[in-house]
Amino acid sequence: MFNKNIKLVLTILIVAVGVWQFIEGNIGNGIMYILLSTIFLFLYFKNELILLSFLRLRKEDFKGAKKWLDRIKNPNSSLTTKQQGYFYYLNGLMISQTNINEAEKYFKKAVNLGLSMDADMAMTKLNLAGIAMSKNRKREAQLLLTEAKKLDKHNMLDDQIKMMKQQMKKASQPRQQFGRSGRGGRRF
């Protein structure tokens, strides 16, 4: 809701008021102001609109999540670098249901900007591998799958990675052609 710089200024002002309250002898008020300043400091590093859209995605409410993300008008100036990565990551997740070309652009931006958690980066690379595989870029898909496997330290995406590798094997196997020879046999 607030720009990242406004959040930082509010944090500094509230800490200053807290220190002033300590000097005046109002210890309880000073502690309360210091605790209040941690809220704005937390929201500096974790954007509230991105957090709200994550909550909507957990409930599988894609329209609600998109509504919260659309409130961020200029992500380049109002978000930190990691928050921009999550902005593009969430947009990629939502768009991947309908338009894989646009989703690929969003996921690549998220990878370039970086994400805080390795599991999120692994999910991004897994999605990019799926897109690359659907576009018959098998080598790129294989590289992205190995990167996703390395980033998935808790094996949360293990089943999806195995399933995608099996699909890649099936796609790379030569297909046997069945034709009509004189006796209905196989033609190789």
N, C-alpha and C. Protein backbone atom coordinates (compact mmCIF):
# COMPACT_ATOMS: atom_id res chain seq x y z
N MET A 1 0.81 -1.18 0.00
CA MET A 1 0.00 0.00 0.00
C MET A 1 0.87 1.26 0.00
N PHE A 2 1.93 1.24 0.84
CA PHE A 2 2.86 2.35 0.88
C PHE A 2 4.09 2.01 0.04
N ASN A 3 4.73 3.04 -0.45
CA ASN A 3 5.98 2.86 -1.17
C ASN A 3 7.04 2.36 -0.18
N LYS A 4 8.04 1.65 -0.68
CA LYS A 4 9.07 1.08 0.21
C LYS A 4 9.83 2.17 0.94
N ASN A 5 10.03 3.34 0.34
CA ASN A 5 10.75 4.42 1.00
C ASN A 5 9.91 5.03 2.11
N ILE A 6 8.61 5.12 1.92
CA ILE A 6 7.73 5.64 2.97
C ILE A 6 7.76 4.71 4.18
N LYS A 7 7.79 3.40 3.93
CA LYS A 7 7.85 2.43 5.03
C LYS A 7 9.14 2.61 5.83
N LEU A 8 10.24 2.87 5.14
CA LEU A 8 11.52 3.06 5.82
C LEU A 8 11.50 4.34 6.65
N VAL A 9 10.95 5.42 6.11
CA VAL A 9 10.86 6.69 6.83
C VAL A 9 9.96 6.53 8.06
N LEU A 10 8.83 5.84 7.90
CA LEU A 10 7.94 5.61 9.04
C LEU A 10 8.64 4.80 10.14
N THR A 11 9.42 3.81 9.73
CA THR A 11 10.16 3.01 10.71
C THR A 11 11.12 3.89 11.51
N ILE A 12 11.85 4.73 10.80
CA ILE A 12 12.83 5.60 11.48
C ILE A 12 12.12 6.59 12.41
N LEU A 13 11.02 7.17 11.95
CA LEU A 13 10.28 8.12 12.79
C LEU A 13 9.72 7.45 14.04
N ILE A 14 9.16 6.26 13.89
CA ILE A 14 8.57 5.57 15.03
C ILE A 14 9.66 5.14 16.02
N VAL A 15 10.82 4.73 15.53
CA VAL A 15 11.94 4.39 16.42
C VAL A 15 12.40 5.64 17.17
N ALA A 16 12.43 6.78 16.46
CA ALA A 16 12.84 8.03 17.11
C ALA A 16 11.85 8.40 18.22
N VAL A 17 10.56 8.24 17.96
CA VAL A 17 9.55 8.52 19.00
C VAL A 17 9.73 7.55 20.17
N GLY A 18 10.04 6.28 19.86
CA GLY A 18 10.27 5.29 20.91
C GLY A 18 11.46 5.66 21.77
N VAL A 19 12.54 6.10 21.15
CA VAL A 19 13.73 6.53 21.91
C VAL A 19 13.39 7.75 22.76
N TRP A 20 12.65 8.68 22.20
CA TRP A 20 12.23 9.87 22.95
C TRP A 20 11.41 9.46 24.18
N GLN A 21 10.53 8.46 24.00
CA GLN A 21 9.72 7.98 25.12
C GLN A 21 10.60 7.33 26.19
N PHE A 22 11.67 6.63 25.78
CA PHE A 22 12.61 6.06 26.75
C PHE A 22 13.29 7.17 27.54
N ILE A 23 13.70 8.24 26.83
CA ILE A 23 14.39 9.36 27.49
C ILE A 23 13.46 10.06 28.48
N GLU A 24 12.20 10.18 28.11
CA GLU A 24 11.21 10.83 28.98
C GLU A 24 10.85 9.96 30.19
N GLY A 25 11.22 8.70 30.17
CA GLY A 25 10.93 7.82 31.29
C GLY A 25 9.70 6.96 31.08
N ASN A 26 9.09 7.05 29.92
CA ASN A 26 7.92 6.23 29.62
C ASN A 26 8.38 4.94 28.92
N ILE A 27 8.86 4.02 29.70
CA ILE A 27 9.46 2.79 29.18
C ILE A 27 8.43 1.96 28.41
N GLY A 28 7.23 1.83 28.94
CA GLY A 28 6.18 1.04 28.28
C GLY A 28 5.83 1.60 26.91
N ASN A 29 5.70 2.93 26.83
CA ASN A 29 5.41 3.55 25.54
C ASN A 29 6.57 3.35 24.56
N GLY A 30 7.79 3.47 25.05
CA GLY A 30 8.96 3.28 24.20
C GLY A 30 9.02 1.88 23.61
N ILE A 31 8.74 0.88 24.45
CA ILE A 31 8.73 -0.51 23.97
C ILE A 31 7.63 -0.70 22.93
N MET A 32 6.46 -0.10 23.20
CA MET A 32 5.35 -0.23 22.26
C MET A 32 5.71 0.39 20.90
N TYR A 33 6.35 1.55 20.90
CA TYR A 33 6.74 2.19 19.65
C TYR A 33 7.81 1.39 18.91
N ILE A 34 8.74 0.83 19.64
CA ILE A 34 9.78 0.00 19.00
C ILE A 34 9.14 -1.22 18.36
N LEU A 35 8.20 -1.87 19.06
CA LEU A 35 7.51 -3.02 18.47
C LEU A 35 6.67 -2.61 17.27
N LEU A 36 6.04 -1.45 17.33
CA LEU A 36 5.26 -0.95 16.20
C LEU A 36 6.16 -0.70 14.99
N SER A 37 7.36 -0.22 15.22
CA SER A 37 8.28 0.04 14.10
C SER A 37 8.70 -1.25 13.40
N THR A 38 8.70 -2.38 14.12
CA THR A 38 9.09 -3.64 13.48
C THR A 38 8.07 -4.08 12.43
N ILE A 39 6.82 -3.67 12.60
CA ILE A 39 5.79 -3.99 11.60
C ILE A 39 6.14 -3.35 10.26
N PHE A 40 6.49 -2.04 10.31
CA PHE A 40 6.83 -1.34 9.07
C PHE A 40 8.15 -1.86 8.50
N LEU A 41 9.07 -2.23 9.38
CA LEU A 41 10.33 -2.80 8.89
C LEU A 41 10.08 -4.15 8.22
N PHE A 42 9.21 -4.98 8.80
CA PHE A 42 8.84 -6.25 8.19
C PHE A 42 8.19 -6.03 6.82
N LEU A 43 7.29 -5.06 6.75
CA LEU A 43 6.60 -4.78 5.49
C LEU A 43 7.51 -4.14 4.45
N TYR A 44 8.66 -3.61 4.88
CA TYR A 44 9.65 -3.13 3.91
C TYR A 44 10.22 -4.31 3.13
N PHE A 45 10.50 -5.41 3.84
CA PHE A 45 11.10 -6.57 3.20
C PHE A 45 10.07 -7.52 2.59
N LYS A 46 8.87 -7.54 3.12
CA LYS A 46 7.80 -8.40 2.61
C LYS A 46 6.61 -7.53 2.25
N ASN A 47 6.36 -7.34 0.99
CA ASN A 47 5.29 -6.47 0.55
C ASN A 47 3.94 -7.06 0.94
N GLU A 48 3.07 -6.22 1.50
CA GLU A 48 1.78 -6.70 1.99
C GLU A 48 0.87 -7.18 0.86
N LEU A 49 0.96 -6.56 -0.30
CA LEU A 49 0.10 -6.99 -1.41
C LEU A 49 0.53 -8.35 -1.95
N ILE A 50 1.83 -8.60 -1.97
CA ILE A 50 2.33 -9.91 -2.40
C ILE A 50 1.95 -10.97 -1.38
N LEU A 51 2.03 -10.63 -0.08
CA LEU A 51 1.61 -11.58 0.95
C LEU A 51 0.13 -11.92 0.83
N LEU A 52 -0.69 -10.89 0.57
CA LEU A 52 -2.13 -11.14 0.41
C LEU A 52 -2.42 -11.99 -0.83
N SER A 53 -1.67 -11.79 -1.91
CA SER A 53 -1.90 -12.61 -3.10
C SER A 53 -1.43 -14.05 -2.86
N PHE A 54 -0.36 -14.25 -2.06
CA PHE A 54 0.05 -15.60 -1.70
C PHE A 54 -1.07 -16.31 -0.92
N LEU A 55 -1.69 -15.58 -0.01
CA LEU A 55 -2.79 -16.17 0.76
C LEU A 55 -3.96 -16.57 -0.14
N ARG A 56 -4.26 -15.74 -1.15
CA ARG A 56 -5.33 -16.08 -2.09
C ARG A 56 -4.95 -17.30 -2.93
N LEU A 57 -3.69 -17.40 -3.29
CA LEU A 57 -3.25 -18.58 -4.08
C LEU A 57 -3.33 -19.86 -3.26
N ARG A 58 -3.06 -19.77 -1.96
CA ARG A 58 -3.17 -20.96 -1.11
C ARG A 58 -4.59 -21.49 -1.09
N LYS A 59 -5.55 -20.58 -1.24
CA LYS A 59 -6.96 -20.97 -1.29
C LYS A 59 -7.41 -21.25 -2.72
N GLU A 60 -6.46 -21.23 -3.65
CA GLU A 60 -6.71 -21.47 -5.07
C GLU A 60 -7.70 -20.47 -5.66
N ASP A 61 -7.62 -19.24 -5.18
CA ASP A 61 -8.45 -18.15 -5.68
C ASP A 61 -7.58 -17.30 -6.61
N PHE A 62 -7.49 -17.71 -7.89
CA PHE A 62 -6.62 -17.04 -8.83
C PHE A 62 -7.10 -15.62 -9.13
N LYS A 63 -8.41 -15.42 -9.19
CA LYS A 63 -8.95 -14.08 -9.47
C LYS A 63 -8.62 -13.13 -8.32
N GLY A 64 -8.76 -13.60 -7.10
CA GLY A 64 -8.44 -12.77 -5.94
C GLY A 64 -6.97 -12.43 -5.87
N ALA A 65 -6.11 -13.41 -6.17
CA ALA A 65 -4.67 -13.17 -6.15
C ALA A 65 -4.28 -12.17 -7.24
N LYS A 66 -4.89 -12.31 -8.41
CA LYS A 66 -4.61 -11.37 -9.51
C LYS A 66 -5.08 -9.97 -9.14
N LYS A 67 -6.19 -9.88 -8.43
CA LYS A 67 -6.71 -8.57 -8.00
C LYS A 67 -5.71 -7.86 -7.09
N TRP A 68 -5.12 -8.61 -6.15
CA TRP A 68 -4.14 -8.01 -5.25
C TRP A 68 -2.87 -7.63 -6.00
N LEU A 69 -2.43 -8.47 -6.92
CA LEU A 69 -1.22 -8.15 -7.68
C LEU A 69 -1.43 -6.96 -8.61
N ASP A 70 -2.63 -6.81 -9.14
CA ASP A 70 -2.91 -5.69 -10.03
C ASP A 70 -2.88 -4.35 -9.31
N ARG A 71 -2.95 -4.37 -7.99
CA ARG A 71 -2.87 -3.13 -7.22
C ARG A 71 -1.45 -2.57 -7.22
N ILE A 72 -0.47 -3.39 -7.55
CA ILE A 72 0.91 -2.92 -7.65
C ILE A 72 1.08 -2.32 -9.04
N LYS A 73 1.10 -1.01 -9.10
CA LYS A 73 1.11 -0.32 -10.39
C LYS A 73 2.49 -0.31 -11.04
N ASN A 74 3.52 0.03 -10.29
CA ASN A 74 4.87 0.12 -10.84
C ASN A 74 5.82 -0.72 -9.98
N PRO A 75 5.96 -2.01 -10.29
CA PRO A 75 6.76 -2.88 -9.42
C PRO A 75 8.24 -2.51 -9.39
N ASN A 76 8.75 -1.89 -10.44
CA ASN A 76 10.18 -1.57 -10.47
C ASN A 76 10.56 -0.50 -9.46
N SER A 77 9.67 0.43 -9.17
CA SER A 77 10.03 1.50 -8.23
C SER A 77 9.47 1.26 -6.83
N SER A 78 8.37 0.54 -6.72
CA SER A 78 7.74 0.39 -5.41
C SER A 78 8.14 -0.88 -4.67
N LEU A 79 8.87 -1.78 -5.32
CA LEU A 79 9.25 -3.04 -4.69
C LEU A 79 10.77 -3.21 -4.66
N THR A 80 11.25 -3.95 -3.66
CA THR A 80 12.67 -4.30 -3.65
C THR A 80 12.91 -5.38 -4.72
N THR A 81 14.15 -5.72 -4.95
CA THR A 81 14.49 -6.67 -6.02
C THR A 81 13.85 -8.03 -5.81
N LYS A 82 13.94 -8.56 -4.60
CA LYS A 82 13.34 -9.87 -4.32
C LYS A 82 11.82 -9.83 -4.44
N GLN A 83 11.22 -8.71 -4.01
CA GLN A 83 9.78 -8.57 -4.14
C GLN A 83 9.36 -8.52 -5.60
N GLN A 84 10.18 -7.88 -6.44
CA GLN A 84 9.90 -7.88 -7.88
C GLN A 84 9.95 -9.30 -8.42
N GLY A 85 10.94 -10.08 -7.93
CA GLY A 85 11.02 -11.48 -8.35
C GLY A 85 9.75 -12.24 -8.00
N TYR A 86 9.25 -12.05 -6.80
CA TYR A 86 8.02 -12.72 -6.40
C TYR A 86 6.81 -12.19 -7.15
N PHE A 87 6.81 -10.91 -7.49
CA PHE A 87 5.72 -10.34 -8.29
C PHE A 87 5.64 -11.06 -9.63
N TYR A 88 6.78 -11.22 -10.29
CA TYR A 88 6.79 -11.89 -11.60
C TYR A 88 6.54 -13.40 -11.46
N TYR A 89 7.02 -13.99 -10.38
CA TYR A 89 6.78 -15.41 -10.11
C TYR A 89 5.29 -15.70 -9.96
N LEU A 90 4.61 -14.88 -9.16
CA LEU A 90 3.17 -15.07 -8.96
C LEU A 90 2.39 -14.83 -10.25
N ASN A 91 2.77 -13.80 -10.99
CA ASN A 91 2.11 -13.56 -12.28
C ASN A 91 2.32 -14.74 -13.22
N GLY A 92 3.52 -15.30 -13.22
CA GLY A 92 3.80 -16.46 -14.06
C GLY A 92 2.96 -17.66 -13.68
N LEU A 93 2.79 -17.89 -12.37
CA LEU A 93 1.96 -19.00 -11.92
C LEU A 93 0.52 -18.86 -12.38
N MET A 94 0.01 -17.64 -12.32
CA MET A 94 -1.38 -17.44 -12.69
C MET A 94 -1.58 -17.48 -14.20
N ILE A 95 -0.64 -16.94 -14.94
CA ILE A 95 -0.77 -16.89 -16.41
C ILE A 95 -0.47 -18.26 -17.03
N SER A 96 0.29 -19.09 -16.33
CA SER A 96 0.69 -20.39 -16.91
C SER A 96 -0.51 -21.27 -17.21
N GLN A 97 -1.65 -20.99 -16.62
CA GLN A 97 -2.85 -21.77 -16.89
C GLN A 97 -3.40 -21.50 -18.28
N THR A 98 -3.13 -20.30 -18.81
CA THR A 98 -3.75 -19.91 -20.08
C THR A 98 -2.75 -19.58 -21.18
N ASN A 99 -1.62 -18.94 -20.86
CA ASN A 99 -0.70 -18.46 -21.88
C ASN A 99 0.73 -18.79 -21.47
N ILE A 100 1.29 -19.88 -22.04
CA ILE A 100 2.61 -20.32 -21.59
C ILE A 100 3.72 -19.41 -22.11
N ASN A 101 3.51 -18.72 -23.23
CA ASN A 101 4.55 -17.82 -23.73
C ASN A 101 4.75 -16.65 -22.78
N GLU A 102 3.67 -16.07 -22.32
CA GLU A 102 3.76 -14.96 -21.37
C GLU A 102 4.25 -15.46 -20.01
N ALA A 103 3.83 -16.64 -19.61
CA ALA A 103 4.27 -17.21 -18.34
C ALA A 103 5.78 -17.43 -18.36
N GLU A 104 6.30 -17.87 -19.50
CA GLU A 104 7.74 -18.08 -19.61
C GLU A 104 8.50 -16.77 -19.40
N LYS A 105 7.99 -15.67 -19.95
CA LYS A 105 8.63 -14.36 -19.76
C LYS A 105 8.63 -13.98 -18.29
N TYR A 106 7.50 -14.19 -17.63
CA TYR A 106 7.42 -13.85 -16.21
C TYR A 106 8.37 -14.71 -15.37
N PHE A 107 8.41 -16.01 -15.65
CA PHE A 107 9.29 -16.89 -14.88
C PHE A 107 10.76 -16.53 -15.10
N LYS A 108 11.12 -16.18 -16.34
CA LYS A 108 12.52 -15.80 -16.61
C LYS A 108 12.88 -14.51 -15.88
N LYS A 109 11.95 -13.56 -15.82
CA LYS A 109 12.20 -12.34 -15.06
C LYS A 109 12.38 -12.66 -13.58
N ALA A 110 11.58 -13.58 -13.07
CA ALA A 110 11.68 -13.96 -11.66
C ALA A 110 13.03 -14.61 -11.37
N VAL A 111 13.51 -15.45 -12.29
CA VAL A 111 14.81 -16.09 -12.10
C VAL A 111 15.93 -15.04 -12.14
N ASN A 112 15.82 -14.09 -13.07
CA ASN A 112 16.85 -13.05 -13.17
C ASN A 112 16.89 -12.16 -11.93
N LEU A 113 15.73 -11.83 -11.38
CA LEU A 113 15.68 -10.97 -10.19
C LEU A 113 16.00 -11.73 -8.92
N GLY A 114 15.71 -13.01 -8.90
CA GLY A 114 16.00 -13.84 -7.74
C GLY A 114 14.82 -13.95 -6.80
N LEU A 115 14.77 -15.06 -6.09
CA LEU A 115 13.73 -15.31 -5.10
C LEU A 115 14.42 -15.65 -3.78
N SER A 116 13.77 -15.38 -2.68
CA SER A 116 14.38 -15.57 -1.36
C SER A 116 14.55 -17.04 -1.01
N MET A 117 13.59 -17.85 -1.36
CA MET A 117 13.61 -19.25 -0.94
C MET A 117 14.00 -20.17 -2.09
N ASP A 118 14.82 -21.17 -1.78
CA ASP A 118 15.25 -22.12 -2.80
C ASP A 118 14.08 -22.93 -3.35
N ALA A 119 13.10 -23.23 -2.50
CA ALA A 119 11.95 -24.01 -2.96
C ALA A 119 11.16 -23.24 -4.02
N ASP A 120 11.05 -21.93 -3.84
CA ASP A 120 10.35 -21.12 -4.84
C ASP A 120 11.13 -21.07 -6.15
N MET A 121 12.45 -20.96 -6.04
CA MET A 121 13.28 -20.95 -7.25
C MET A 121 13.21 -22.31 -7.94
N ALA A 122 13.16 -23.40 -7.17
CA ALA A 122 13.04 -24.73 -7.76
C ALA A 122 11.70 -24.86 -8.49
N MET A 123 10.64 -24.34 -7.90
CA MET A 123 9.33 -24.38 -8.55
C MET A 123 9.33 -23.58 -9.85
N THR A 124 10.00 -22.44 -9.83
CA THR A 124 10.10 -21.61 -11.04
C THR A 124 10.85 -22.35 -12.14
N LYS A 125 11.96 -22.98 -11.78
CA LYS A 125 12.74 -23.71 -12.78
C LYS A 125 11.98 -24.94 -13.28
N LEU A 126 11.22 -25.56 -12.41
CA LEU A 126 10.40 -26.70 -12.83
C LEU A 126 9.33 -26.25 -13.83
N ASN A 127 8.71 -25.12 -13.58
CA ASN A 127 7.73 -24.59 -14.52
C ASN A 127 8.39 -24.23 -15.85
N LEU A 128 9.57 -23.63 -15.80
CA LEU A 128 10.29 -23.30 -17.03
C LEU A 128 10.68 -24.56 -17.79
N ALA A 129 11.02 -25.63 -17.06
CA ALA A 129 11.35 -26.90 -17.71
C ALA A 129 10.13 -27.47 -18.41
N GLY A 130 8.97 -27.37 -17.77
CA GLY A 130 7.75 -27.85 -18.40
C GLY A 130 7.41 -27.07 -19.66
N ILE A 131 7.62 -25.77 -19.61
CA ILE A 131 7.36 -24.94 -20.79
C ILE A 131 8.34 -25.28 -21.90
N ALA A 132 9.62 -25.44 -21.55
CA ALA A 132 10.63 -25.79 -22.55
C ALA A 132 10.34 -27.15 -23.16
N MET A 133 9.88 -28.09 -22.34
CA MET A 133 9.55 -29.42 -22.86
C MET A 133 8.35 -29.35 -23.81
N SER A 134 7.38 -28.52 -23.49
CA SER A 134 6.22 -28.41 -24.38
C SER A 134 6.58 -27.74 -25.70
N LYS A 135 7.67 -26.99 -25.71
CA LYS A 135 8.13 -26.34 -26.94
C LYS A 135 9.24 -27.14 -27.63
N ASN A 136 9.42 -28.41 -27.22
CA ASN A 136 10.42 -29.33 -27.79
C ASN A 136 11.85 -28.81 -27.66
N ARG A 137 12.15 -28.17 -26.57
CA ARG A 137 13.52 -27.76 -26.24
C ARG A 137 14.00 -28.68 -25.11
N LYS A 138 14.30 -29.91 -25.50
CA LYS A 138 14.58 -30.96 -24.51
C LYS A 138 15.87 -30.71 -23.73
N ARG A 139 16.88 -30.19 -24.37
CA ARG A 139 18.16 -29.95 -23.69
C ARG A 139 17.99 -28.88 -22.60
N GLU A 140 17.30 -27.80 -22.94
CA GLU A 140 17.04 -26.75 -21.97
C GLU A 140 16.18 -27.28 -20.82
N ALA A 141 15.20 -28.09 -21.14
CA ALA A 141 14.34 -28.66 -20.11
C ALA A 141 15.14 -29.55 -19.16
N GLN A 142 16.06 -30.32 -19.72
CA GLN A 142 16.90 -31.20 -18.89
C GLN A 142 17.78 -30.38 -17.94
N LEU A 143 18.37 -29.30 -18.45
CA LEU A 143 19.21 -28.45 -17.61
C LEU A 143 18.38 -27.80 -16.48
N LEU A 144 17.20 -27.34 -16.83
CA LEU A 144 16.34 -26.72 -15.82
C LEU A 144 15.88 -27.73 -14.78
N LEU A 145 15.63 -28.97 -15.20
CA LEU A 145 15.23 -30.01 -14.24
C LEU A 145 16.36 -30.33 -13.26
N THR A 146 17.59 -30.39 -13.76
CA THR A 146 18.71 -30.67 -12.84
C THR A 146 18.92 -29.51 -11.88
N GLU A 147 18.73 -28.26 -12.35
CA GLU A 147 18.84 -27.12 -11.45
C GLU A 147 17.73 -27.15 -10.40
N ALA A 148 16.53 -27.51 -10.82
CA ALA A 148 15.41 -27.59 -9.89
C ALA A 148 15.67 -28.67 -8.84
N LYS A 149 16.23 -29.79 -9.27
CA LYS A 149 16.54 -30.89 -8.34
C LYS A 149 17.57 -30.45 -7.30
N LYS A 150 18.58 -29.68 -7.74
CA LYS A 150 19.59 -29.18 -6.80
C LYS A 150 18.99 -28.21 -5.80
N LEU A 151 18.07 -27.38 -6.24
CA LEU A 151 17.46 -26.38 -5.36
C LEU A 151 16.43 -26.97 -4.41
N ASP A 152 15.86 -28.11 -4.76
CA ASP A 152 14.83 -28.76 -3.95
C ASP A 152 15.49 -29.59 -2.86
N LYS A 153 15.93 -28.92 -1.79
CA LYS A 153 16.68 -29.58 -0.73
C LYS A 153 15.82 -30.47 0.16
N HIS A 154 14.53 -30.19 0.25
CA HIS A 154 13.64 -30.97 1.11
C HIS A 154 12.81 -31.97 0.31
N ASN A 155 13.13 -32.17 -0.95
CA ASN A 155 12.46 -33.13 -1.85
C ASN A 155 10.95 -32.92 -1.90
N MET A 156 10.52 -31.67 -1.88
CA MET A 156 9.09 -31.38 -1.97
C MET A 156 8.58 -31.53 -3.40
N LEU A 157 9.45 -31.33 -4.38
CA LEU A 157 9.06 -31.42 -5.78
C LEU A 157 9.57 -32.70 -6.44
N ASP A 158 9.96 -33.66 -5.62
CA ASP A 158 10.58 -34.88 -6.13
C ASP A 158 9.64 -35.64 -7.08
N ASP A 159 8.37 -35.76 -6.71
CA ASP A 159 7.42 -36.49 -7.57
C ASP A 159 7.22 -35.80 -8.91
N GLN A 160 7.10 -34.47 -8.89
CA GLN A 160 6.91 -33.74 -10.13
C GLN A 160 8.13 -33.84 -11.03
N ILE A 161 9.32 -33.79 -10.43
CA ILE A 161 10.55 -33.89 -11.22
C ILE A 161 10.67 -35.27 -11.86
N LYS A 162 10.35 -36.33 -11.08
CA LYS A 162 10.39 -37.68 -11.63
C LYS A 162 9.39 -37.86 -12.76
N MET A 163 8.18 -37.32 -12.57
CA MET A 163 7.15 -37.44 -13.59
C MET A 163 7.58 -36.72 -14.88
N MET A 164 8.21 -35.56 -14.73
CA MET A 164 8.64 -34.82 -15.92
C MET A 164 9.78 -35.55 -16.63
N LYS A 165 10.67 -36.16 -15.86
CA LYS A 165 11.76 -36.93 -16.49
C LYS A 165 11.20 -38.13 -17.26
N GLN A 166 10.18 -38.78 -16.71
CA GLN A 166 9.56 -39.91 -17.42
C GLN A 166 8.90 -39.43 -18.70
N GLN A 167 8.25 -38.29 -18.66
CA GLN A 167 7.64 -37.75 -19.87
C GLN A 167 8.69 -37.40 -20.91
N MET A 168 9.85 -36.92 -20.46
CA MET A 168 10.93 -36.60 -21.40
C MET A 168 11.47 -37.87 -22.04
N LYS A 169 11.57 -38.96 -21.26
CA LYS A 169 12.04 -40.23 -21.82
C LYS A 169 11.07 -40.75 -22.86
N LYS A 170 9.78 -40.66 -22.55
CA LYS A 170 8.78 -41.13 -23.52
C LYS A 170 8.83 -40.31 -24.80
N ALA A 171 9.04 -39.02 -24.66
CA ALA A 171 9.06 -38.15 -25.84
C ALA A 171 10.31 -38.37 -26.68
N SER A 172 11.41 -38.81 -26.04
CA SER A 172 12.66 -38.98 -26.80
C SER A 172 12.81 -40.37 -27.40
N GLN A 173 11.97 -41.33 -27.00
CA GLN A 173 12.07 -42.67 -27.57
C GLN A 173 11.58 -42.65 -29.01
N PRO A 174 12.30 -43.36 -29.90
CA PRO A 174 11.83 -43.41 -31.29
C PRO A 174 10.53 -44.19 -31.36
N ARG A 175 9.65 -43.70 -32.17
CA ARG A 175 8.34 -44.35 -32.32
C ARG A 175 8.43 -45.40 -33.41
N GLN A 176 7.78 -46.50 -33.12
CA GLN A 176 7.73 -47.56 -34.12
C GLN A 176 6.58 -47.27 -35.06
N GLN A 177 6.83 -47.48 -36.29
CA GLN A 177 5.79 -47.23 -37.27
C GLN A 177 5.14 -48.55 -37.65
N PHE A 178 3.84 -48.51 -37.65
CA PHE A 178 3.10 -49.68 -38.08
C PHE A 178 2.53 -49.38 -39.46
N GLY A 179 2.77 -50.25 -40.36
CA GLY A 179 2.29 -50.01 -41.72
C GLY A 179 1.70 -51.28 -42.29
N ARG A 180 1.29 -51.18 -43.48
CA ARG A 180 0.70 -52.35 -44.12
C ARG A 180 1.69 -52.92 -45.11
N SER A 181 2.27 -53.97 -44.71
CA SER A 181 3.06 -54.71 -45.68
C SER A 181 2.15 -55.80 -46.20
N GLY A 182 2.64 -56.61 -47.04
CA GLY A 182 1.79 -57.61 -47.67
C GLY A 182 1.08 -58.49 -46.68
N ARG A 183 1.69 -58.77 -45.51
CA ARG A 183 1.07 -59.70 -44.58
C ARG A 183 0.64 -59.02 -43.28
N GLY A 184 0.56 -57.70 -43.24
CA GLY A 184 0.10 -57.02 -42.02
C GLY A 184 1.17 -56.96 -40.95
N GLY A 185 2.42 -57.17 -41.30
CA GLY A 185 3.49 -57.15 -40.32
C GLY A 185 4.01 -55.75 -40.05
N ARG A 186 5.04 -55.68 -39.24
CA ARG A 186 5.62 -54.39 -38.87
C ARG A 186 6.66 -53.96 -39.90
N ARG A 187 6.73 -52.70 -40.08
CA ARG A 187 7.75 -52.12 -40.94
C ARG A 187 8.70 -51.31 -40.05
N PHE A 188 9.99 -51.55 -40.14
CA PHE A 188 10.95 -50.85 -39.29
C PHE A 188 11.74 -49.85 -40.08
